[in-house]
Amino acid sequence: MIKNIRHPLIIILSVFLLIGNHANAQQKNKSLNYSKYPYWIEMMNNPATNYFEAIKAYDEFWATRKKPTEENEIMGQENTVTKKQTFLNKWFKSKEEKEAEETRKYTLDVKKFEHWKLKVKPYVQEDGRILSADEQLQIWQKQRQQ
């Protein structure tokens, strides 16, 4: 009796394992949707990131949003006219208000990213790899000795 139960049970477990592996492999192959989440913030803080991939993530994220362009907007100091807050306005924001709130949320990160781009650009290799701090120091020391 036990031998009869084991055989179908082994087959069922094997099928589940194969399905699980297939689903996991598909998840790994999915590319990141840069337009939905600000991956560029994480990339900027990761020393092993690819420069060109970070730029792509930044551009795709801001392709459908209003990016802060003015210095006062970047610093989060824009002069906005406050409208009367009614009960409904507190609960239901307009699309423009939601976009403005999202823009304010990332203003400092935009400023940091723009600075990061300028700072690392001289150290970007052809494949997009950014030289490590040690490699940058070696270049600086070689230039100093000449």
N, C-alpha and C. Protein backbone atom coordinates (compact mmCIF):
# COMPACT_ATOMS: atom_id res chain seq x y z
N MET A 1 0.82 -1.19 0.00
CA MET A 1 0.00 0.00 0.00
C MET A 1 0.86 1.26 0.00
N ILE A 2 1.90 1.27 0.81
CA ILE A 2 2.77 2.44 0.92
C ILE A 2 3.52 2.66 -0.39
N LYS A 3 3.95 1.59 -1.08
CA LYS A 3 4.65 1.74 -2.34
C LYS A 3 3.74 2.39 -3.38
N ASN A 4 2.47 2.07 -3.36
CA ASN A 4 1.53 2.66 -4.32
C ASN A 4 1.35 4.15 -4.09
N ILE A 5 1.41 4.61 -2.86
CA ILE A 5 1.22 6.03 -2.52
C ILE A 5 2.49 6.82 -2.86
N ARG A 6 3.64 6.24 -2.67
CA ARG A 6 4.90 6.94 -2.89
C ARG A 6 5.10 7.36 -4.34
N HIS A 7 4.79 6.50 -5.26
CA HIS A 7 5.02 6.76 -6.68
C HIS A 7 4.26 8.02 -7.15
N PRO A 8 2.95 8.12 -6.94
CA PRO A 8 2.25 9.35 -7.36
C PRO A 8 2.72 10.58 -6.57
N LEU A 9 3.06 10.38 -5.32
CA LEU A 9 3.53 11.50 -4.49
C LEU A 9 4.85 12.05 -5.02
N ILE A 10 5.75 11.20 -5.43
CA ILE A 10 7.03 11.63 -5.99
C ILE A 10 6.80 12.37 -7.30
N ILE A 11 5.89 11.88 -8.11
CA ILE A 11 5.59 12.55 -9.39
C ILE A 11 5.01 13.93 -9.14
N ILE A 12 4.08 14.03 -8.21
CA ILE A 12 3.45 15.33 -7.91
C ILE A 12 4.49 16.32 -7.38
N LEU A 13 5.34 15.88 -6.46
CA LEU A 13 6.39 16.75 -5.91
C LEU A 13 7.35 17.20 -7.01
N SER A 14 7.69 16.30 -7.92
CA SER A 14 8.60 16.66 -9.01
C SER A 14 7.97 17.72 -9.92
N VAL A 15 6.69 17.57 -10.20
CA VAL A 15 6.01 18.55 -11.03
C VAL A 15 6.01 19.92 -10.36
N PHE A 16 5.72 19.95 -9.06
CA PHE A 16 5.73 21.23 -8.33
C PHE A 16 7.11 21.87 -8.32
N LEU A 17 8.15 21.07 -8.17
CA LEU A 17 9.51 21.61 -8.20
C LEU A 17 9.85 22.19 -9.57
N LEU A 18 9.46 21.51 -10.62
CA LEU A 18 9.73 22.01 -11.96
C LEU A 18 8.97 23.31 -12.23
N ILE A 19 7.73 23.37 -11.81
CA ILE A 19 6.94 24.59 -11.99
C ILE A 19 7.55 25.74 -11.21
N GLY A 20 7.98 25.46 -9.99
CA GLY A 20 8.61 26.49 -9.16
C GLY A 20 9.90 27.02 -9.78
N ASN A 21 10.72 26.13 -10.30
CA ASN A 21 11.96 26.56 -10.96
C ASN A 21 11.68 27.38 -12.20
N HIS A 22 10.69 26.98 -12.97
CA HIS A 22 10.34 27.72 -14.19
C HIS A 22 9.85 29.13 -13.85
N ALA A 23 9.01 29.24 -12.84
CA ALA A 23 8.50 30.56 -12.43
C ALA A 23 9.63 31.44 -11.91
N ASN A 24 10.56 30.87 -11.16
CA ASN A 24 11.69 31.62 -10.63
C ASN A 24 12.60 32.10 -11.76
N ALA A 25 12.81 31.28 -12.77
CA ALA A 25 13.65 31.67 -13.90
C ALA A 25 13.00 32.80 -14.68
N GLN A 26 11.68 32.78 -14.82
CA GLN A 26 11.00 33.86 -15.52
C GLN A 26 11.12 35.17 -14.76
N GLN A 27 11.05 35.11 -13.44
CA GLN A 27 11.17 36.33 -12.65
C GLN A 27 12.55 36.95 -12.81
N LYS A 28 13.58 36.16 -12.87
CA LYS A 28 14.94 36.68 -13.01
C LYS A 28 15.14 37.35 -14.36
N ASN A 29 14.45 36.87 -15.39
CA ASN A 29 14.62 37.40 -16.73
C ASN A 29 13.86 38.70 -16.97
N LYS A 30 12.93 39.02 -16.11
CA LYS A 30 12.17 40.26 -16.29
C LYS A 30 13.10 41.45 -16.08
N SER A 31 13.00 42.41 -16.98
CA SER A 31 13.79 43.61 -16.80
C SER A 31 13.05 44.54 -15.85
N LEU A 32 13.79 45.40 -15.20
CA LEU A 32 13.20 46.32 -14.25
C LEU A 32 12.41 47.40 -14.98
N ASN A 33 11.28 47.76 -14.43
CA ASN A 33 10.46 48.82 -15.01
C ASN A 33 10.89 50.13 -14.38
N TYR A 34 11.80 50.82 -15.04
CA TYR A 34 12.37 52.04 -14.49
C TYR A 34 11.37 53.18 -14.40
N SER A 35 10.29 53.11 -15.16
CA SER A 35 9.33 54.21 -15.14
C SER A 35 8.42 54.16 -13.92
N LYS A 36 8.33 53.04 -13.25
CA LYS A 36 7.42 52.90 -12.11
C LYS A 36 8.08 53.19 -10.76
N TYR A 37 9.36 52.87 -10.62
CA TYR A 37 10.05 52.99 -9.33
C TYR A 37 11.39 53.68 -9.55
N PRO A 38 11.81 54.56 -8.63
CA PRO A 38 13.08 55.29 -8.81
C PRO A 38 14.32 54.45 -8.48
N TYR A 39 14.60 53.48 -9.33
CA TYR A 39 15.80 52.64 -9.14
C TYR A 39 17.07 53.47 -9.21
N TRP A 40 17.03 54.61 -9.89
CA TRP A 40 18.21 55.45 -10.07
C TRP A 40 18.76 55.94 -8.73
N ILE A 41 17.90 56.07 -7.72
CA ILE A 41 18.38 56.50 -6.39
C ILE A 41 19.28 55.42 -5.80
N GLU A 42 18.84 54.18 -5.89
CA GLU A 42 19.64 53.07 -5.37
C GLU A 42 20.92 52.90 -6.19
N MET A 43 20.80 53.07 -7.50
CA MET A 43 21.97 52.91 -8.37
C MET A 43 23.03 53.95 -8.07
N MET A 44 22.60 55.17 -7.81
CA MET A 44 23.54 56.25 -7.53
C MET A 44 24.34 55.96 -6.25
N ASN A 45 23.73 55.24 -5.31
CA ASN A 45 24.39 54.94 -4.05
C ASN A 45 25.16 53.62 -4.07
N ASN A 46 25.10 52.91 -5.19
CA ASN A 46 25.79 51.63 -5.32
C ASN A 46 27.07 51.84 -6.13
N PRO A 47 28.24 51.61 -5.53
CA PRO A 47 29.49 51.84 -6.27
C PRO A 47 29.70 50.87 -7.44
N ALA A 48 28.99 49.76 -7.48
CA ALA A 48 29.18 48.78 -8.56
C ALA A 48 28.15 48.97 -9.68
N THR A 49 27.45 50.08 -9.69
CA THR A 49 26.42 50.27 -10.70
C THR A 49 27.00 50.63 -12.06
N ASN A 50 26.24 50.39 -13.09
CA ASN A 50 26.62 50.76 -14.45
C ASN A 50 26.10 52.17 -14.70
N TYR A 51 26.98 53.06 -15.07
CA TYR A 51 26.64 54.47 -15.27
C TYR A 51 25.52 54.65 -16.30
N PHE A 52 25.64 53.97 -17.42
CA PHE A 52 24.66 54.12 -18.49
C PHE A 52 23.30 53.57 -18.09
N GLU A 53 23.29 52.50 -17.30
CA GLU A 53 22.03 51.93 -16.82
C GLU A 53 21.37 52.88 -15.83
N ALA A 54 22.15 53.54 -14.99
CA ALA A 54 21.60 54.51 -14.04
C ALA A 54 21.00 55.71 -14.77
N ILE A 55 21.66 56.19 -15.80
CA ILE A 55 21.14 57.29 -16.60
C ILE A 55 19.84 56.88 -17.28
N LYS A 56 19.81 55.66 -17.79
CA LYS A 56 18.60 55.15 -18.44
C LYS A 56 17.45 55.07 -17.44
N ALA A 57 17.72 54.58 -16.24
CA ALA A 57 16.68 54.48 -15.21
C ALA A 57 16.16 55.86 -14.84
N TYR A 58 17.05 56.82 -14.71
CA TYR A 58 16.66 58.20 -14.37
C TYR A 58 15.80 58.81 -15.47
N ASP A 59 16.24 58.68 -16.70
CA ASP A 59 15.50 59.25 -17.83
C ASP A 59 14.12 58.61 -17.99
N GLU A 60 14.04 57.29 -17.85
CA GLU A 60 12.75 56.61 -17.99
C GLU A 60 11.80 56.99 -16.86
N PHE A 61 12.33 57.14 -15.65
CA PHE A 61 11.48 57.51 -14.52
C PHE A 61 10.86 58.89 -14.73
N TRP A 62 11.64 59.82 -15.23
CA TRP A 62 11.16 61.19 -15.41
C TRP A 62 10.52 61.43 -16.77
N ALA A 63 10.44 60.43 -17.62
CA ALA A 63 9.85 60.61 -18.95
C ALA A 63 8.37 60.98 -18.88
N THR A 64 7.66 60.47 -17.89
CA THR A 64 6.22 60.73 -17.78
C THR A 64 5.88 61.63 -16.60
N ARG A 65 6.88 62.21 -15.97
CA ARG A 65 6.66 63.06 -14.80
C ARG A 65 7.26 64.44 -15.05
N LYS A 66 6.81 65.38 -14.25
CA LYS A 66 7.39 66.72 -14.32
C LYS A 66 8.59 66.76 -13.39
N LYS A 67 9.76 66.89 -13.99
CA LYS A 67 11.00 66.93 -13.22
C LYS A 67 11.25 68.35 -12.76
N PRO A 68 11.69 68.55 -11.51
CA PRO A 68 12.01 69.90 -11.06
C PRO A 68 13.16 70.47 -11.88
N THR A 69 12.97 71.68 -12.41
CA THR A 69 14.00 72.27 -13.27
C THR A 69 14.60 73.52 -12.67
N GLU A 70 13.83 74.29 -11.98
CA GLU A 70 14.33 75.52 -11.38
C GLU A 70 15.11 75.20 -10.10
N GLU A 71 16.07 76.02 -9.79
CA GLU A 71 16.87 75.80 -8.59
C GLU A 71 15.99 75.79 -7.35
N ASN A 72 15.01 76.72 -7.27
CA ASN A 72 14.17 76.74 -6.08
C ASN A 72 13.27 75.52 -6.02
N GLU A 73 12.88 74.95 -7.18
CA GLU A 73 12.09 73.73 -7.17
C GLU A 73 12.95 72.56 -6.71
N ILE A 74 14.18 72.53 -7.16
CA ILE A 74 15.06 71.43 -6.79
C ILE A 74 15.30 71.42 -5.28
N MET A 75 15.42 72.59 -4.73
CA MET A 75 15.65 72.67 -3.29
C MET A 75 14.36 72.54 -2.48
N GLY A 76 13.21 72.41 -3.16
CA GLY A 76 11.96 72.23 -2.45
C GLY A 76 11.41 73.51 -1.86
N GLN A 77 11.77 74.65 -2.44
CA GLN A 77 11.36 75.93 -1.88
C GLN A 77 10.45 76.69 -2.84
N GLU A 78 9.70 75.98 -3.68
CA GLU A 78 8.87 76.68 -4.64
C GLU A 78 7.78 77.46 -3.91
N ASN A 79 7.39 78.54 -4.52
CA ASN A 79 6.39 79.42 -3.93
C ASN A 79 5.02 78.99 -4.46
N THR A 80 4.29 78.26 -3.65
CA THR A 80 2.99 77.77 -4.08
C THR A 80 1.90 78.54 -3.37
N VAL A 81 0.83 78.76 -4.09
CA VAL A 81 -0.32 79.41 -3.51
C VAL A 81 -1.13 78.35 -2.80
N THR A 82 -1.38 78.55 -1.54
CA THR A 82 -2.14 77.56 -0.79
C THR A 82 -3.61 77.82 -0.97
N LYS A 83 -4.33 76.77 -1.33
CA LYS A 83 -5.76 76.94 -1.48
C LYS A 83 -6.45 76.43 -0.24
N LYS A 84 -7.66 76.87 -0.09
CA LYS A 84 -8.44 76.52 1.08
C LYS A 84 -8.59 75.01 1.17
N GLN A 85 -8.20 74.46 2.29
CA GLN A 85 -8.28 73.02 2.49
C GLN A 85 -9.68 72.65 2.99
N THR A 86 -10.46 72.08 2.12
CA THR A 86 -11.77 71.59 2.52
C THR A 86 -11.63 70.12 2.86
N PHE A 87 -12.70 69.58 3.41
CA PHE A 87 -12.69 68.17 3.77
C PHE A 87 -12.42 67.30 2.55
N LEU A 88 -13.09 67.60 1.45
CA LEU A 88 -12.90 66.79 0.24
C LEU A 88 -11.51 66.96 -0.36
N ASN A 89 -10.95 68.17 -0.31
CA ASN A 89 -9.61 68.40 -0.84
C ASN A 89 -8.56 67.61 -0.08
N LYS A 90 -8.76 67.42 1.21
CA LYS A 90 -7.81 66.65 2.00
C LYS A 90 -7.80 65.19 1.59
N TRP A 91 -8.96 64.66 1.24
CA TRP A 91 -9.07 63.24 0.92
C TRP A 91 -8.88 62.93 -0.55
N PHE A 92 -9.31 63.84 -1.41
CA PHE A 92 -9.23 63.59 -2.85
C PHE A 92 -8.37 64.66 -3.51
N LYS A 93 -7.16 64.28 -3.85
CA LYS A 93 -6.24 65.22 -4.48
C LYS A 93 -6.40 65.14 -6.00
N SER A 94 -6.20 66.27 -6.65
CA SER A 94 -6.26 66.27 -8.10
C SER A 94 -4.99 65.61 -8.66
N LYS A 95 -5.03 65.30 -9.93
CA LYS A 95 -3.87 64.68 -10.58
C LYS A 95 -2.66 65.62 -10.51
N GLU A 96 -2.89 66.91 -10.70
CA GLU A 96 -1.80 67.89 -10.65
C GLU A 96 -1.18 67.95 -9.26
N GLU A 97 -2.04 67.88 -8.24
CA GLU A 97 -1.53 67.92 -6.86
C GLU A 97 -0.71 66.67 -6.55
N LYS A 98 -1.15 65.52 -7.04
CA LYS A 98 -0.41 64.28 -6.82
C LYS A 98 0.94 64.34 -7.52
N GLU A 99 0.96 64.86 -8.75
CA GLU A 99 2.22 64.98 -9.49
C GLU A 99 3.17 65.96 -8.80
N ALA A 100 2.62 67.08 -8.31
CA ALA A 100 3.45 68.07 -7.61
C ALA A 100 4.02 67.48 -6.33
N GLU A 101 3.21 66.69 -5.64
CA GLU A 101 3.67 66.05 -4.40
C GLU A 101 4.79 65.06 -4.70
N GLU A 102 4.64 64.30 -5.78
CA GLU A 102 5.67 63.34 -6.16
C GLU A 102 6.96 64.07 -6.56
N THR A 103 6.81 65.17 -7.27
CA THR A 103 7.98 65.96 -7.67
C THR A 103 8.71 66.47 -6.43
N ARG A 104 7.98 66.99 -5.48
CA ARG A 104 8.60 67.48 -4.23
C ARG A 104 9.28 66.35 -3.47
N LYS A 105 8.69 65.17 -3.55
CA LYS A 105 9.24 64.01 -2.83
C LYS A 105 10.66 63.68 -3.30
N TYR A 106 10.92 63.85 -4.61
CA TYR A 106 12.21 63.46 -5.17
C TYR A 106 13.13 64.64 -5.50
N THR A 107 12.79 65.84 -5.07
CA THR A 107 13.59 67.00 -5.47
C THR A 107 15.04 66.91 -5.00
N LEU A 108 15.24 66.55 -3.76
CA LEU A 108 16.61 66.45 -3.25
C LEU A 108 17.38 65.33 -3.96
N ASP A 109 16.70 64.23 -4.23
CA ASP A 109 17.35 63.12 -4.93
C ASP A 109 17.74 63.52 -6.36
N VAL A 110 16.93 64.34 -7.01
CA VAL A 110 17.27 64.83 -8.35
C VAL A 110 18.54 65.65 -8.27
N LYS A 111 18.62 66.53 -7.31
CA LYS A 111 19.82 67.37 -7.13
C LYS A 111 21.06 66.49 -6.89
N LYS A 112 20.90 65.49 -6.02
CA LYS A 112 22.02 64.59 -5.74
C LYS A 112 22.43 63.81 -6.99
N PHE A 113 21.44 63.36 -7.76
CA PHE A 113 21.75 62.58 -8.96
C PHE A 113 22.49 63.42 -9.99
N GLU A 114 22.04 64.64 -10.19
CA GLU A 114 22.71 65.53 -11.15
C GLU A 114 24.16 65.77 -10.71
N HIS A 115 24.39 65.94 -9.42
CA HIS A 115 25.76 66.12 -8.90
C HIS A 115 26.56 64.84 -9.09
N TRP A 116 25.94 63.69 -8.81
CA TRP A 116 26.61 62.40 -8.96
C TRP A 116 27.05 62.20 -10.40
N LYS A 117 26.18 62.54 -11.37
CA LYS A 117 26.54 62.39 -12.79
C LYS A 117 27.80 63.17 -13.12
N LEU A 118 27.86 64.41 -12.66
CA LEU A 118 29.04 65.24 -12.94
C LEU A 118 30.29 64.71 -12.25
N LYS A 119 30.11 64.23 -11.04
CA LYS A 119 31.25 63.77 -10.24
C LYS A 119 31.88 62.50 -10.81
N VAL A 120 31.06 61.55 -11.28
CA VAL A 120 31.61 60.26 -11.73
C VAL A 120 31.90 60.20 -13.22
N LYS A 121 31.39 61.15 -13.98
CA LYS A 121 31.55 61.10 -15.44
C LYS A 121 33.01 60.94 -15.89
N PRO A 122 33.98 61.63 -15.28
CA PRO A 122 35.37 61.44 -15.73
C PRO A 122 35.91 60.04 -15.47
N TYR A 123 35.25 59.28 -14.61
CA TYR A 123 35.74 57.95 -14.23
C TYR A 123 34.92 56.82 -14.84
N VAL A 124 34.08 57.13 -15.82
CA VAL A 124 33.25 56.11 -16.46
C VAL A 124 34.05 55.45 -17.58
N GLN A 125 34.05 54.13 -17.57
CA GLN A 125 34.73 53.37 -18.62
C GLN A 125 33.78 53.18 -19.81
N GLU A 126 34.28 52.67 -20.90
CA GLU A 126 33.48 52.49 -22.12
C GLU A 126 32.29 51.57 -21.91
N ASP A 127 32.46 50.58 -21.02
CA ASP A 127 31.36 49.63 -20.77
C ASP A 127 30.37 50.14 -19.71
N GLY A 128 30.61 51.33 -19.17
CA GLY A 128 29.71 51.91 -18.18
C GLY A 128 30.15 51.71 -16.74
N ARG A 129 31.20 50.92 -16.55
CA ARG A 129 31.71 50.70 -15.21
C ARG A 129 32.35 51.98 -14.69
N ILE A 130 32.11 52.26 -13.42
CA ILE A 130 32.70 53.44 -12.79
C ILE A 130 33.91 52.98 -11.98
N LEU A 131 35.02 53.67 -12.16
CA LEU A 131 36.23 53.30 -11.42
C LEU A 131 35.97 53.39 -9.93
N SER A 132 36.57 52.46 -9.20
CA SER A 132 36.42 52.47 -7.73
C SER A 132 37.21 53.63 -7.14
N ALA A 133 36.99 53.89 -5.88
CA ALA A 133 37.70 54.97 -5.20
C ALA A 133 39.21 54.73 -5.22
N ASP A 134 39.63 53.48 -5.07
CA ASP A 134 41.07 53.16 -5.12
C ASP A 134 41.65 53.44 -6.50
N GLU A 135 40.92 53.07 -7.54
CA GLU A 135 41.40 53.32 -8.90
C GLU A 135 41.46 54.82 -9.19
N GLN A 136 40.49 55.57 -8.69
CA GLN A 136 40.49 57.02 -8.85
C GLN A 136 41.69 57.64 -8.14
N LEU A 137 42.00 57.13 -6.96
CA LEU A 137 43.14 57.63 -6.19
C LEU A 137 44.45 57.35 -6.93
N GLN A 138 44.56 56.17 -7.52
CA GLN A 138 45.76 55.83 -8.27
C GLN A 138 45.95 56.77 -9.46
N ILE A 139 44.88 57.09 -10.15
CA ILE A 139 44.96 58.03 -11.28
C ILE A 139 45.42 59.39 -10.79
N TRP A 140 44.84 59.84 -9.69
CA TRP A 140 45.21 61.14 -9.13
C TRP A 140 46.68 61.17 -8.74
N GLN A 141 47.18 60.08 -8.11
CA GLN A 141 48.57 60.03 -7.70
C GLN A 141 49.52 60.03 -8.90
N LYS A 142 49.13 59.33 -9.97
CA LYS A 142 49.95 59.32 -11.19
C LYS A 142 50.02 60.72 -11.81
N GLN A 143 48.89 61.39 -11.83
CA GLN A 143 48.87 62.74 -12.39
C GLN A 143 49.69 63.71 -11.54
N ARG A 144 49.67 63.52 -10.26
CA ARG A 144 50.42 64.37 -9.34
C ARG A 144 51.93 64.18 -9.51
N GLN A 145 52.36 62.96 -9.80
CA GLN A 145 53.79 62.67 -9.95
C GLN A 145 54.34 63.22 -11.26
N GLN A 146 53.52 63.43 -12.25
CA GLN A 146 53.99 63.90 -13.55
C GLN A 146 54.28 65.35 -13.57
